[in-house]
PDB file of all heavy atoms in Angstrom:
ATOM      1  N   ARG A   1       4.053   7.064  17.075  1.00  0.00           N
ATOM      2  CA  ARG A   1       2.668   6.821  16.578  1.00  0.00           C
ATOM      3  C   ARG A   1       2.301   8.000  15.681  1.00  0.00           C
ATOM      4  O   ARG A   1       2.197   9.112  16.081  1.00  0.00           O
ATOM      5  CB  ARG A   1       1.665   6.860  17.698  1.00  0.00           C
ATOM      6  CG  ARG A   1       0.234   6.592  17.197  1.00  0.00           C
ATOM      7  CD  ARG A   1      -0.832   6.404  18.332  1.00  0.00           C
ATOM      8  NE  ARG A   1      -2.107   6.238  17.737  1.00  0.00           N
ATOM      9  CZ  ARG A   1      -3.061   7.218  17.749  1.00  0.00           C
ATOM     10  NH1 ARG A   1      -2.821   8.435  18.288  1.00  0.00           N
ATOM     11  NH2 ARG A   1      -4.215   6.990  17.231  1.00  0.00           N
ATOM     12  N   GLY A   2       2.265   7.739  14.383  1.00  0.00           N
ATOM     13  CA  GLY A   2       2.083   8.732  13.421  1.00  0.00           C
ATOM     14  C   GLY A   2       0.604   9.161  13.193  1.00  0.00           C
ATOM     15  O   GLY A   2      -0.297   8.501  13.677  1.00  0.00           O
ATOM     16  N   LEU A   3       0.390  10.297  12.511  1.00  0.00           N
ATOM     17  CA  LEU A   3      -0.886  10.767  12.155  1.00  0.00           C
ATOM     18  C   LEU A   3      -1.403   9.920  11.050  1.00  0.00           C
ATOM     19  O   LEU A   3      -2.579   9.447  11.061  1.00  0.00           O
ATOM     20  CB  LEU A   3      -0.810  12.198  11.634  1.00  0.00           C
ATOM     21  CG  LEU A   3      -2.116  12.827  11.243  1.00  0.00           C
ATOM     22  CD1 LEU A   3      -3.109  12.969  12.341  1.00  0.00           C
ATOM     23  CD2 LEU A   3      -1.850  14.270  10.680  1.00  0.00           C
ATOM     24  N   PHE A   4      -0.533   9.551  10.088  1.00  0.00           N
ATOM     25  CA  PHE A   4      -1.053   8.649   9.003  1.00  0.00           C
ATOM     26  C   PHE A   4      -0.325   7.272   9.095  1.00  0.00           C
ATOM     27  O   PHE A   4       0.886   7.271   9.562  1.00  0.00           O
ATOM     28  CB  PHE A   4      -0.560   9.294   7.647  1.00  0.00           C
ATOM     29  CG  PHE A   4      -1.337  10.459   7.267  1.00  0.00           C
ATOM     30  CD1 PHE A   4      -0.851  11.730   7.615  1.00  0.00           C
ATOM     31  CD2 PHE A   4      -2.500  10.346   6.589  1.00  0.00           C
ATOM     32  CE1 PHE A   4      -1.572  12.849   7.219  1.00  0.00           C
ATOM     33  CE2 PHE A   4      -3.302  11.480   6.174  1.00  0.00           C
ATOM     34  CZ  PHE A   4      -2.831  12.721   6.606  1.00  0.00           C
ATOM     35  N   ARG A   5      -0.932   6.192   8.778  1.00  0.00           N
ATOM     36  CA  ARG A   5      -0.349   4.923   8.671  1.00  0.00           C
ATOM     37  C   ARG A   5       0.752   4.906   7.518  1.00  0.00           C
ATOM     38  O   ARG A   5       0.639   5.729   6.568  1.00  0.00           O
ATOM     39  CB  ARG A   5      -1.411   3.857   8.381  1.00  0.00           C
ATOM     40  CG  ARG A   5      -2.413   3.601   9.504  1.00  0.00           C
ATOM     41  CD  ARG A   5      -3.380   2.459   9.185  1.00  0.00           C
ATOM     42  NE  ARG A   5      -3.653   2.270   7.790  1.00  0.00           N
ATOM     43  CZ  ARG A   5      -4.648   2.835   7.100  1.00  0.00           C
ATOM     44  NH1 ARG A   5      -5.447   3.725   7.659  1.00  0.00           N
ATOM     45  NH2 ARG A   5      -4.860   2.394   5.824  1.00  0.00           N
ATOM     46  N   PRO A   6       1.720   4.046   7.680  1.00  0.00           N
ATOM     47  CA  PRO A   6       2.845   4.101   6.633  1.00  0.00           C
ATOM     48  C   PRO A   6       2.256   4.007   5.144  1.00  0.00           C
ATOM     49  O   PRO A   6       2.713   4.701   4.294  1.00  0.00           O
ATOM     50  CB  PRO A   6       3.657   2.936   7.028  1.00  0.00           C
ATOM     51  CG  PRO A   6       3.492   2.774   8.440  1.00  0.00           C
ATOM     52  CD  PRO A   6       2.035   3.108   8.748  1.00  0.00           C
ATOM     53  N   GLU A   7       1.230   3.150   4.997  1.00  0.00           N
ATOM     54  CA  GLU A   7       0.684   2.936   3.618  1.00  0.00           C
ATOM     55  C   GLU A   7       0.070   4.263   3.128  1.00  0.00           C
ATOM     56  O   GLU A   7       0.017   4.561   1.899  1.00  0.00           O
ATOM     57  CB  GLU A   7      -0.461   1.842   3.714  1.00  0.00           C
ATOM     58  CG  GLU A   7       0.095   0.496   4.096  1.00  0.00           C
ATOM     59  CD  GLU A   7       0.193   0.278   5.677  1.00  0.00           C
ATOM     60  OE1 GLU A   7      -0.498   1.211   6.411  1.00  0.00           O
ATOM     61  OE2 GLU A   7       0.903  -0.513   6.049  1.00  0.00           O
ATOM     62  N   GLU A   8      -0.613   5.047   4.046  1.00  0.00           N
ATOM     63  CA  GLU A   8      -1.151   6.236   3.705  1.00  0.00           C
ATOM     64  C   GLU A   8      -0.129   7.276   3.283  1.00  0.00           C
ATOM     65  O   GLU A   8      -0.331   8.070   2.311  1.00  0.00           O
ATOM     66  CB  GLU A   8      -1.977   6.804   4.800  1.00  0.00           C
ATOM     67  CG  GLU A   8      -3.251   6.033   5.102  1.00  0.00           C
ATOM     68  CD  GLU A   8      -3.987   6.478   6.389  1.00  0.00           C
ATOM     69  OE1 GLU A   8      -3.297   6.685   7.413  1.00  0.00           O
ATOM     70  OE2 GLU A   8      -5.212   6.671   6.227  1.00  0.00           O
ATOM     71  N   ARG A   9       1.045   7.293   3.993  1.00  0.00           N
ATOM     72  CA  ARG A   9       2.172   8.236   3.703  1.00  0.00           C
ATOM     73  C   ARG A   9       2.652   7.928   2.341  1.00  0.00           C
ATOM     74  O   ARG A   9       3.055   8.832   1.567  1.00  0.00           O
ATOM     75  CB  ARG A   9       3.289   8.121   4.756  1.00  0.00           C
ATOM     76  CG  ARG A   9       2.717   8.590   6.165  1.00  0.00           C
ATOM     77  CD  ARG A   9       3.958   8.424   7.065  1.00  0.00           C
ATOM     78  NE  ARG A   9       3.389   7.871   8.333  1.00  0.00           N
ATOM     79  CZ  ARG A   9       4.076   7.372   9.276  1.00  0.00           C
ATOM     80  NH1 ARG A   9       5.498   7.319   9.129  1.00  0.00           N
ATOM     81  NH2 ARG A   9       3.574   6.942  10.360  1.00  0.00           N
ATOM     82  N   VAL A  10       2.730   6.653   1.996  1.00  0.00           N
ATOM     83  CA  VAL A  10       3.247   6.277   0.696  1.00  0.00           C
ATOM     84  C   VAL A  10       2.334   6.815  -0.383  1.00  0.00           C
ATOM     85  O   VAL A  10       2.793   7.422  -1.431  1.00  0.00           O
ATOM     86  CB  VAL A  10       3.347   4.725   0.562  1.00  0.00           C
ATOM     87  CG1 VAL A  10       3.456   4.267  -0.916  1.00  0.00           C
ATOM     88  CG2 VAL A  10       4.520   4.189   1.399  1.00  0.00           C
ATOM     89  N   GLU A  11       1.063   6.728  -0.171  1.00  0.00           N
ATOM     90  CA  GLU A  11       0.081   7.186  -1.111  1.00  0.00           C
ATOM     91  C   GLU A  11       0.115   8.788  -1.190  1.00  0.00           C
ATOM     92  O   GLU A  11       0.094   9.264  -2.415  1.00  0.00           O
ATOM     93  CB  GLU A  11      -1.350   6.815  -0.781  1.00  0.00           C
ATOM     94  CG  GLU A  11      -2.387   7.286  -1.737  1.00  0.00           C
ATOM     95  CD  GLU A  11      -2.183   6.945  -3.228  1.00  0.00           C
ATOM     96  OE1 GLU A  11      -1.684   5.898  -3.562  1.00  0.00           O
ATOM     97  OE2 GLU A  11      -2.473   7.832  -4.008  1.00  0.00           O
ATOM     98  N   LEU A  12       0.295   9.429  -0.230  1.00  0.00           N
ATOM     99  CA  LEU A  12       0.374  10.879  -0.218  1.00  0.00           C
ATOM    100  C   LEU A  12       1.694  11.279  -0.923  1.00  0.00           C
ATOM    101  O   LEU A  12       1.681  12.249  -1.758  1.00  0.00           O
ATOM    102  CB  LEU A  12       0.447  11.423   1.192  1.00  0.00           C
ATOM    103  CG  LEU A  12      -0.777  11.299   2.074  1.00  0.00           C
ATOM    104  CD1 LEU A  12      -0.652  11.790   3.450  1.00  0.00           C
ATOM    105  CD2 LEU A  12      -2.038  11.930   1.405  1.00  0.00           C
ATOM    106  N   LEU A  13       2.723  10.627  -0.730  1.00  0.00           N
ATOM    107  CA  LEU A  13       4.076  10.981  -1.407  1.00  0.00           C
ATOM    108  C   LEU A  13       3.887  10.625  -2.931  1.00  0.00           C
ATOM    109  O   LEU A  13       4.385  11.401  -3.773  1.00  0.00           O
ATOM    110  CB  LEU A  13       5.203  10.055  -0.859  1.00  0.00           C
ATOM    111  CG  LEU A  13       5.852  10.684   0.380  1.00  0.00           C
ATOM    112  CD1 LEU A  13       6.623   9.634   1.148  1.00  0.00           C
ATOM    113  CD2 LEU A  13       6.795  11.796  -0.016  1.00  0.00           C
ATOM    114  N   ARG A  14       3.197   9.524  -3.271  1.00  0.00           N
ATOM    115  CA  ARG A  14       2.950   9.248  -4.725  1.00  0.00           C
ATOM    116  C   ARG A  14       2.215  10.409  -5.369  1.00  0.00           C
ATOM    117  O   ARG A  14       2.606  10.771  -6.522  1.00  0.00           O
ATOM    118  CB  ARG A  14       2.327   7.969  -4.892  1.00  0.00           C
ATOM    119  CG  ARG A  14       3.245   6.747  -4.634  1.00  0.00           C
ATOM    120  CD  ARG A  14       2.612   5.425  -5.043  1.00  0.00           C
ATOM    121  NE  ARG A  14       3.555   4.300  -4.853  1.00  0.00           N
ATOM    122  CZ  ARG A  14       3.312   3.261  -4.245  1.00  0.00           C
ATOM    123  NH1 ARG A  14       2.154   2.997  -3.722  1.00  0.00           N
ATOM    124  NH2 ARG A  14       4.339   2.376  -4.137  1.00  0.00           N
ATOM    125  N   ARG A  15       1.233  10.858  -4.708  1.00  0.00           N
ATOM    126  CA  ARG A  15       0.467  11.988  -5.368  1.00  0.00           C
ATOM    127  C   ARG A  15       1.334  13.190  -5.535  1.00  0.00           C
ATOM    128  O   ARG A  15       1.174  13.918  -6.470  1.00  0.00           O
ATOM    129  CB  ARG A  15      -0.790  12.300  -4.473  1.00  0.00           C
ATOM    130  CG  ARG A  15      -1.775  11.135  -4.579  1.00  0.00           C
ATOM    131  CD  ARG A  15      -3.110  11.348  -4.054  1.00  0.00           C
ATOM    132  NE  ARG A  15      -3.392  12.567  -3.387  1.00  0.00           N
ATOM    133  CZ  ARG A  15      -3.967  12.593  -2.050  1.00  0.00           C
ATOM    134  NH1 ARG A  15      -4.358  11.425  -1.475  1.00  0.00           N
ATOM    135  NH2 ARG A  15      -4.194  13.724  -1.448  1.00  0.00           N
ATOM    136  N   CYS A  16       2.187  13.507  -4.580  1.00  0.00           N
ATOM    137  CA  CYS A  16       2.977  14.721  -4.543  1.00  0.00           C
ATOM    138  C   CYS A  16       4.168  14.655  -5.573  1.00  0.00           C
ATOM    139  O   CYS A  16       4.745  15.718  -5.930  1.00  0.00           O
ATOM    140  CB  CYS A  16       3.570  15.021  -3.206  1.00  0.00           C
ATOM    141  SG  CYS A  16       2.295  15.356  -1.997  1.00  0.00           S
ATOM    142  N   THR A  17       4.583  13.393  -5.935  1.00  0.00           N
ATOM    143  CA  THR A  17       5.778  13.238  -6.756  1.00  0.00           C
ATOM    144  C   THR A  17       5.442  12.678  -8.074  1.00  0.00           C
ATOM    145  O   THR A  17       6.428  12.296  -8.899  1.00  0.00           O
ATOM    146  CB  THR A  17       6.801  12.355  -6.069  1.00  0.00           C
ATOM    147  OG1 THR A  17       6.224  11.145  -5.800  1.00  0.00           O
ATOM    148  CG2 THR A  17       7.298  12.966  -4.725  1.00  0.00           C
ATOM    149  N   GLN A  18       4.195  12.594  -8.509  1.00  0.00           N
ATOM    150  CA  GLN A  18       3.822  11.932  -9.770  1.00  0.00           C
ATOM    151  C   GLN A  18       4.506  12.605 -10.985  1.00  0.00           C
ATOM    152  O   GLN A  18       4.588  11.964 -12.038  1.00  0.00           O
ATOM    153  CB  GLN A  18       2.341  11.785  -9.935  1.00  0.00           C
ATOM    154  CG  GLN A  18       1.625  13.092 -10.024  1.00  0.00           C
ATOM    155  CD  GLN A  18       0.132  12.792  -9.933  1.00  0.00           C
ATOM    156  OE1 GLN A  18      -0.431  11.668 -10.021  1.00  0.00           O
ATOM    157  NE2 GLN A  18      -0.763  13.858  -9.778  1.00  0.00           N
ATOM    158  N   SER A  19       4.835  13.834 -10.886  1.00  0.00           N
ATOM    159  CA  SER A  19       5.440  14.535 -12.008  1.00  0.00           C
ATOM    160  C   SER A  19       6.987  14.323 -12.129  1.00  0.00           C
ATOM    161  O   SER A  19       7.540  14.827 -13.050  1.00  0.00           O
ATOM    162  CB  SER A  19       5.080  16.067 -11.973  1.00  0.00           C
ATOM    163  OG  SER A  19       5.846  16.622 -10.812  1.00  0.00           O
ATOM    164  N   LEU A  20       7.465  13.614 -11.162  1.00  0.00           N
ATOM    165  CA  LEU A  20       8.955  13.360 -11.254  1.00  0.00           C
ATOM    166  C   LEU A  20       9.209  11.878 -11.566  1.00  0.00           C
ATOM    167  O   LEU A  20       9.107  10.965 -10.828  1.00  0.00           O
ATOM    168  CB  LEU A  20       9.530  13.535  -9.807  1.00  0.00           C
ATOM    169  CG  LEU A  20       9.277  14.981  -9.242  1.00  0.00           C
ATOM    170  CD1 LEU A  20       9.721  15.050  -7.753  1.00  0.00           C
ATOM    171  CD2 LEU A  20      10.110  16.058 -10.104  1.00  0.00           C
ATOM    172  N   PRO A  21       9.507  11.692 -12.859  1.00  0.00           N
ATOM    173  CA  PRO A  21       9.575  10.255 -13.456  1.00  0.00           C
ATOM    174  C   PRO A  21      10.573   9.338 -12.812  1.00  0.00           C
ATOM    175  O   PRO A  21      10.413   8.151 -12.807  1.00  0.00           O
ATOM    176  CB  PRO A  21       9.804  10.541 -14.916  1.00  0.00           C
ATOM    177  CG  PRO A  21      10.308  11.838 -15.064  1.00  0.00           C
ATOM    178  CD  PRO A  21       9.781  12.627 -13.848  1.00  0.00           C
ATOM    179  N   ASN A  22      11.676   9.883 -12.231  1.00  0.00           N
ATOM    180  CA  ASN A  22      12.780   9.065 -11.703  1.00  0.00           C
ATOM    181  C   ASN A  22      12.650   8.913 -10.167  1.00  0.00           C
ATOM    182  O   ASN A  22      13.513   8.370  -9.554  1.00  0.00           O
ATOM    183  CB  ASN A  22      14.103   9.530 -12.097  1.00  0.00           C
ATOM    184  CG  ASN A  22      14.444  10.920 -11.435  1.00  0.00           C
ATOM    185  OD1 ASN A  22      13.562  11.699 -11.242  1.00  0.00           O
ATOM    186  ND2 ASN A  22      15.705  11.105 -11.102  1.00  0.00           N
ATOM    187  N   VAL A  23      11.552   9.330  -9.633  1.00  0.00           N
ATOM    188  CA  VAL A  23      11.281   9.160  -8.242  1.00  0.00           C
ATOM    189  C   VAL A  23      10.333   8.021  -7.994  1.00  0.00           C
ATOM    190  O   VAL A  23       9.264   7.964  -8.526  1.00  0.00           O
ATOM    191  CB  VAL A  23      10.701  10.473  -7.559  1.00  0.00           C
ATOM    192  CG1 VAL A  23      10.213  10.273  -6.138  1.00  0.00           C
ATOM    193  CG2 VAL A  23      11.690  11.601  -7.682  1.00  0.00           C
ATOM    194  N   GLU A  24      10.740   7.129  -7.030  1.00  0.00           N
ATOM    195  CA  GLU A  24       9.977   5.941  -6.715  1.00  0.00           C
ATOM    196  C   GLU A  24       9.681   6.058  -5.204  1.00  0.00           C
ATOM    197  O   GLU A  24      10.472   6.479  -4.427  1.00  0.00           O
ATOM    198  CB  GLU A  24      10.794   4.692  -7.062  1.00  0.00           C
ATOM    199  CG  GLU A  24      10.167   3.434  -6.551  1.00  0.00           C
ATOM    200  CD  GLU A  24      11.118   2.238  -6.676  1.00  0.00           C
ATOM    201  OE1 GLU A  24      12.018   2.329  -7.523  1.00  0.00           O
ATOM    202  OE2 GLU A  24      10.964   1.237  -5.911  1.00  0.00           O
ATOM    203  N   ILE A  25       8.457   5.734  -4.807  1.00  0.00           N
ATOM    204  CA  ILE A  25       8.028   5.789  -3.338  1.00  0.00           C
ATOM    205  C   ILE A  25       8.011   4.293  -2.870  1.00  0.00           C
ATOM    206  O   ILE A  25       7.414   3.411  -3.491  1.00  0.00           O
ATOM    207  CB  ILE A  25       6.669   6.466  -3.166  1.00  0.00           C
ATOM    208  CG1 ILE A  25       6.649   7.821  -3.943  1.00  0.00           C
ATOM    209  CG2 ILE A  25       6.348   6.614  -1.720  1.00  0.00           C
ATOM    210  CD1 ILE A  25       7.716   8.714  -3.557  1.00  0.00           C
ATOM    211  N   ASP A  26       8.534   4.054  -1.706  1.00  0.00           N
ATOM    212  CA  ASP A  26       8.533   2.733  -1.059  1.00  0.00           C
ATOM    213  C   ASP A  26       8.429   2.869   0.330  1.00  0.00           C
ATOM    214  O   ASP A  26       8.291   4.023   0.929  1.00  0.00           O
ATOM    215  CB  ASP A  26       9.849   2.034  -1.421  1.00  0.00           C
ATOM    216  CG  ASP A  26       9.837   0.521  -1.258  1.00  0.00           C
ATOM    217  OD1 ASP A  26       8.708  -0.050  -0.945  1.00  0.00           O
ATOM    218  OD2 ASP A  26      10.863  -0.094  -1.332  1.00  0.00           O
ATOM    219  N   ARG A  27       8.312   1.909   1.100  1.00  0.00           N
ATOM    220  CA  ARG A  27       8.357   1.833   2.526  1.00  0.00           C
ATOM    221  C   ARG A  27       9.162   0.634   3.058  1.00  0.00           C
ATOM    222  O   ARG A  27       9.186  -0.336   2.316  1.00  0.00           O
ATOM    223  CB  ARG A  27       6.857   1.825   3.102  1.00  0.00           C
ATOM    224  CG  ARG A  27       6.202   0.566   2.998  1.00  0.00           C
ATOM    225  CD  ARG A  27       4.782   0.625   3.690  1.00  0.00           C
ATOM    226  NE  ARG A  27       4.947   0.381   5.126  1.00  0.00           N
ATOM    227  CZ  ARG A  27       4.532  -0.649   5.738  1.00  0.00           C
ATOM    228  NH1 ARG A  27       3.942  -1.651   5.146  1.00  0.00           N
ATOM    229  NH2 ARG A  27       4.771  -0.681   7.015  1.00  0.00           N
ATOM    230  N   SER A  28       9.663   0.841   4.315  1.00  0.00           N
ATOM    231  CA  SER A  28      10.446  -0.249   4.923  1.00  0.00           C
ATOM    232  C   SER A  28      10.374  -0.131   6.408  1.00  0.00           C
ATOM    233  O   SER A  28      10.314   0.938   7.005  1.00  0.00           O
ATOM    234  CB  SER A  28      11.854  -0.095   4.439  1.00  0.00           C
ATOM    235  OG  SER A  28      12.616  -1.161   4.993  1.00  0.00           O
ATOM    236  N   ASP A  29      10.491  -1.272   7.097  1.00  0.00           N
ATOM    237  CA  ASP A  29      10.631  -1.233   8.513  1.00  0.00           C
ATOM    238  C   ASP A  29      11.948  -1.938   8.853  1.00  0.00           C
ATOM    239  O   ASP A  29      12.134  -2.310  10.026  1.00  0.00           O
ATOM    240  CB  ASP A  29       9.454  -2.076   9.196  1.00  0.00           C
ATOM    241  CG  ASP A  29       9.243  -3.411   8.622  1.00  0.00           C
ATOM    242  OD1 ASP A  29      10.080  -3.935   7.880  1.00  0.00           O
ATOM    243  OD2 ASP A  29       8.270  -4.113   9.160  1.00  0.00           O
TER     244      ASP A  29
END
């Protein structure tokens, strides 16, 4: 049981990696 929901983690990662053009953020179960 995470602190953040998976969708929130995706958003946090996107904010942290926005300066890296070849990095894509996704989620999967």
